[in-house]
């Protein structure tokens, strides 16, 4: 009976890893065992980075809105609480964009939050 080697699948898997290891230095790009470990670690970092990016952006938007509200004499926490009481449902991303690109509109939002 002939020995089954599963060559096409294995070759496809190696090619996928070779493509992913493009640009790596030294044995990391051409020795299969080292390449596999490096690529898998890189994929782990990429997965984690996609989650961290969301956290980083949210904190950046909060810093922007906080700076804009502080310039208008309101604390960030009081501003957010006022928005919730007023029933204004704007997320932090849109609030930061309004604060940067439309200061007069942001003044109106701050006034509404202070009133409630």
C-alpha atoms as a PDB file:
ATOM      1  CA  UNK A   1       0.000   0.000   0.000  1.00  0.00           C
ATOM      2  CA  UNK A   2       1.299   3.460  -0.907  1.00  0.00           C
ATOM      3  CA  UNK A   3       2.259   5.912   1.815  1.00  0.00           C
ATOM      4  CA  UNK A   4      -0.057   8.975   1.996  1.00  0.00           C
ATOM      5  CA  UNK A   5       1.849  12.212   2.472  1.00  0.00           C
ATOM      6  CA  UNK A   6      -0.891  14.862   2.227  1.00  0.00           C
ATOM      7  CA  UNK A   7       1.467  16.934   0.093  1.00  0.00           C
ATOM      8  CA  UNK A   8      -0.901  19.486  -1.518  1.00  0.00           C
ATOM      9  CA  UNK A   9      -2.386  20.566   1.811  1.00  0.00           C
ATOM     10  CA  UNK A  10       0.975  20.713   3.524  1.00  0.00           C
ATOM     11  CA  UNK A  11       2.468  22.712   0.646  1.00  0.00           C
ATOM     12  CA  UNK A  12      -0.453  25.157   0.732  1.00  0.00           C
ATOM     13  CA  UNK A  13       0.027  25.611   4.474  1.00  0.00           C
ATOM     14  CA  UNK A  14       3.757  26.262   3.994  1.00  0.00           C
ATOM     15  CA  UNK A  15       3.068  28.730   1.200  1.00  0.00           C
ATOM     16  CA  UNK A  16       0.605  30.611   3.389  1.00  0.00           C
ATOM     17  CA  UNK A  17       3.194  30.886   6.153  1.00  0.00           C
ATOM     18  CA  UNK A  18       5.925  31.892   3.672  1.00  0.00           C
ATOM     19  CA  UNK A  19       3.705  34.685   2.393  1.00  0.00           C
ATOM     20  CA  UNK A  20       2.972  35.818   5.964  1.00  0.00           C
ATOM     21  CA  UNK A  21       6.705  35.765   6.841  1.00  0.00           C
ATOM     22  CA  UNK A  22       7.650  38.026   3.931  1.00  0.00           C
ATOM     23  CA  UNK A  23       9.951  40.759   5.186  1.00  0.00           C
ATOM     24  CA  UNK A  24      11.151  38.841   8.240  1.00  0.00           C
ATOM     25  CA  UNK A  25      14.902  38.719   8.843  1.00  0.00           C
ATOM     26  CA  UNK A  26      17.278  35.759   8.873  1.00  0.00           C
ATOM     27  CA  UNK A  27      15.993  32.265   9.645  1.00  0.00           C
ATOM     28  CA  UNK A  28      12.617  33.709  10.551  1.00  0.00           C
ATOM     29  CA  UNK A  29      11.766  33.969   6.860  1.00  0.00           C
ATOM     30  CA  UNK A  30      13.046  30.673   5.487  1.00  0.00           C
ATOM     31  CA  UNK A  31      13.415  27.999   8.175  1.00  0.00           C
ATOM     32  CA  UNK A  32       9.980  26.425   8.558  1.00  0.00           C
ATOM     33  CA  UNK A  33       9.991  25.770  12.312  1.00  0.00           C
ATOM     34  CA  UNK A  34      11.263  29.234  13.255  1.00  0.00           C
ATOM     35  CA  UNK A  35       9.035  30.865  10.630  1.00  0.00           C
ATOM     36  CA  UNK A  36       5.944  29.096  11.980  1.00  0.00           C
ATOM     37  CA  UNK A  37       6.600  30.213  15.559  1.00  0.00           C
ATOM     38  CA  UNK A  38       7.297  33.784  14.491  1.00  0.00           C
ATOM     39  CA  UNK A  39       4.244  34.081  12.255  1.00  0.00           C
ATOM     40  CA  UNK A  40       1.946  32.623  14.908  1.00  0.00           C
ATOM     41  CA  UNK A  41       3.314  35.062  17.473  1.00  0.00           C
ATOM     42  CA  UNK A  42       2.806  37.910  15.006  1.00  0.00           C
ATOM     43  CA  UNK A  43      -0.804  36.826  14.489  1.00  0.00           C
ATOM     44  CA  UNK A  44      -1.318  36.811  18.257  1.00  0.00           C
ATOM     45  CA  UNK A  45       0.049  40.344  18.537  1.00  0.00           C
ATOM     46  CA  UNK A  46      -2.163  41.455  15.643  1.00  0.00           C
ATOM     47  CA  UNK A  47      -5.252  39.954  17.300  1.00  0.00           C
ATOM     48  CA  UNK A  48      -4.443  41.670  20.579  1.00  0.00           C
ATOM     49  CA  UNK A  49      -3.640  44.926  18.786  1.00  0.00           C
ATOM     50  CA  UNK A  50      -7.034  45.003  17.106  1.00  0.00           C
ATOM     51  CA  UNK A  51      -8.648  44.884  20.547  1.00  0.00           C
ATOM     52  CA  UNK A  52      -6.281  47.477  22.043  1.00  0.00           C
ATOM     53  CA  UNK A  53      -6.907  49.874  19.160  1.00  0.00           C
ATOM     54  CA  UNK A  54     -10.559  50.227  20.160  1.00  0.00           C
ATOM     55  CA  UNK A  55      -9.545  51.004  23.747  1.00  0.00           C
ATOM     56  CA  UNK A  56      -6.929  53.544  22.653  1.00  0.00           C
ATOM     57  CA  UNK A  57      -9.319  55.393  20.351  1.00  0.00           C
ATOM     58  CA  UNK A  58     -12.024  55.580  23.021  1.00  0.00           C
ATOM     59  CA  UNK A  59      -9.580  57.043  25.545  1.00  0.00           C
ATOM     60  CA  UNK A  60      -8.379  59.557  22.924  1.00  0.00           C
ATOM     61  CA  UNK A  61     -11.967  60.696  22.270  1.00  0.00           C
ATOM     62  CA  UNK A  62     -12.545  61.081  26.008  1.00  0.00           C
ATOM     63  CA  UNK A  63      -9.392  63.211  26.348  1.00  0.00           C
ATOM     64  CA  UNK A  64     -10.532  65.438  23.466  1.00  0.00           C
ATOM     65  CA  UNK A  65     -14.049  65.911  24.842  1.00  0.00           C
ATOM     66  CA  UNK A  66     -12.673  66.506  28.324  1.00  0.00           C
ATOM     67  CA  UNK A  67     -10.336  69.223  27.040  1.00  0.00           C
ATOM     68  CA  UNK A  68     -13.159  70.860  25.082  1.00  0.00           C
ATOM     69  CA  UNK A  69     -15.561  70.842  28.041  1.00  0.00           C
ATOM     70  CA  UNK A  70     -12.900  72.083  30.448  1.00  0.00           C
ATOM     71  CA  UNK A  71     -12.252  75.020  28.135  1.00  0.00           C
ATOM     72  CA  UNK A  72     -15.954  75.866  28.523  1.00  0.00           C
ATOM     73  CA  UNK A  73     -15.841  75.573  32.316  1.00  0.00           C
ATOM     74  CA  UNK A  74     -17.533  72.182  32.711  1.00  0.00           C
ATOM     75  CA  UNK A  75     -16.090  68.944  34.062  1.00  0.00           C
ATOM     76  CA  UNK A  76     -16.229  65.928  31.744  1.00  0.00           C
ATOM     77  CA  UNK A  77     -18.180  63.748  34.164  1.00  0.00           C
ATOM     78  CA  UNK A  78     -20.795  66.462  34.747  1.00  0.00           C
ATOM     79  CA  UNK A  79     -21.035  67.011  30.996  1.00  0.00           C
ATOM     80  CA  UNK A  80     -21.696  63.323  30.288  1.00  0.00           C
ATOM     81  CA  UNK A  81     -24.203  63.108  33.154  1.00  0.00           C
ATOM     82  CA  UNK A  82     -25.983  66.207  31.787  1.00  0.00           C
ATOM     83  CA  UNK A  83     -26.129  64.673  28.311  1.00  0.00           C
ATOM     84  CA  UNK A  84     -27.757  61.541  29.715  1.00  0.00           C
ATOM     85  CA  UNK A  85     -30.325  63.572  31.672  1.00  0.00           C
ATOM     86  CA  UNK A  86     -31.080  65.690  28.590  1.00  0.00           C
ATOM     87  CA  UNK A  87     -31.616  62.542  26.549  1.00  0.00           C
ATOM     88  CA  UNK A  88     -28.892  63.396  24.036  1.00  0.00           C
ATOM     89  CA  UNK A  89     -27.461  60.138  22.704  1.00  0.00           C
ATOM     90  CA  UNK A  90     -24.140  61.053  21.117  1.00  0.00           C
ATOM     91  CA  UNK A  91     -21.148  58.762  21.413  1.00  0.00           C
ATOM     92  CA  UNK A  92     -17.699  59.999  22.385  1.00  0.00           C
ATOM     93  CA  UNK A  93     -16.369  59.773  18.829  1.00  0.00           C
ATOM     94  CA  UNK A  94     -19.026  62.093  17.410  1.00  0.00           C
ATOM     95  CA  UNK A  95     -18.696  64.442  20.403  1.00  0.00           C
ATOM     96  CA  UNK A  96     -14.949  64.769  19.818  1.00  0.00           C
ATOM     97  CA  UNK A  97     -15.477  65.390  16.094  1.00  0.00           C
ATOM     98  CA  UNK A  98     -18.075  68.080  16.860  1.00  0.00           C
ATOM     99  CA  UNK A  99     -15.739  69.660  19.434  1.00  0.00           C
ATOM    100  CA  UNK A 100     -12.941  69.877  16.862  1.00  0.00           C
ATOM    101  CA  UNK A 101     -14.792  70.804  13.665  1.00  0.00           C
ATOM    102  CA  UNK A 102     -17.879  72.674  14.962  1.00  0.00           C
ATOM    103  CA  UNK A 103     -17.072  74.585  18.175  1.00  0.00           C
ATOM    104  CA  UNK A 104     -20.317  76.612  18.076  1.00  0.00           C
ATOM    105  CA  UNK A 105     -22.383  73.457  17.803  1.00  0.00           C
ATOM    106  CA  UNK A 106     -20.429  71.980  20.700  1.00  0.00           C
ATOM    107  CA  UNK A 107     -21.198  75.128  22.744  1.00  0.00           C
ATOM    108  CA  UNK A 108     -24.911  74.465  22.190  1.00  0.00           C
ATOM    109  CA  UNK A 109     -24.525  70.848  23.321  1.00  0.00           C
ATOM    110  CA  UNK A 110     -22.634  71.975  26.459  1.00  0.00           C
ATOM    111  CA  UNK A 111     -25.388  74.493  27.267  1.00  0.00           C
ATOM    112  CA  UNK A 112     -28.049  71.789  26.901  1.00  0.00           C
ATOM    113  CA  UNK A 113     -26.073  69.455  29.163  1.00  0.00           C
ATOM    114  CA  UNK A 114     -25.626  72.187  31.784  1.00  0.00           C
ATOM    115  CA  UNK A 115     -29.313  73.071  31.727  1.00  0.00           C
ATOM    116  CA  UNK A 116     -30.434  69.559  32.620  1.00  0.00           C
END
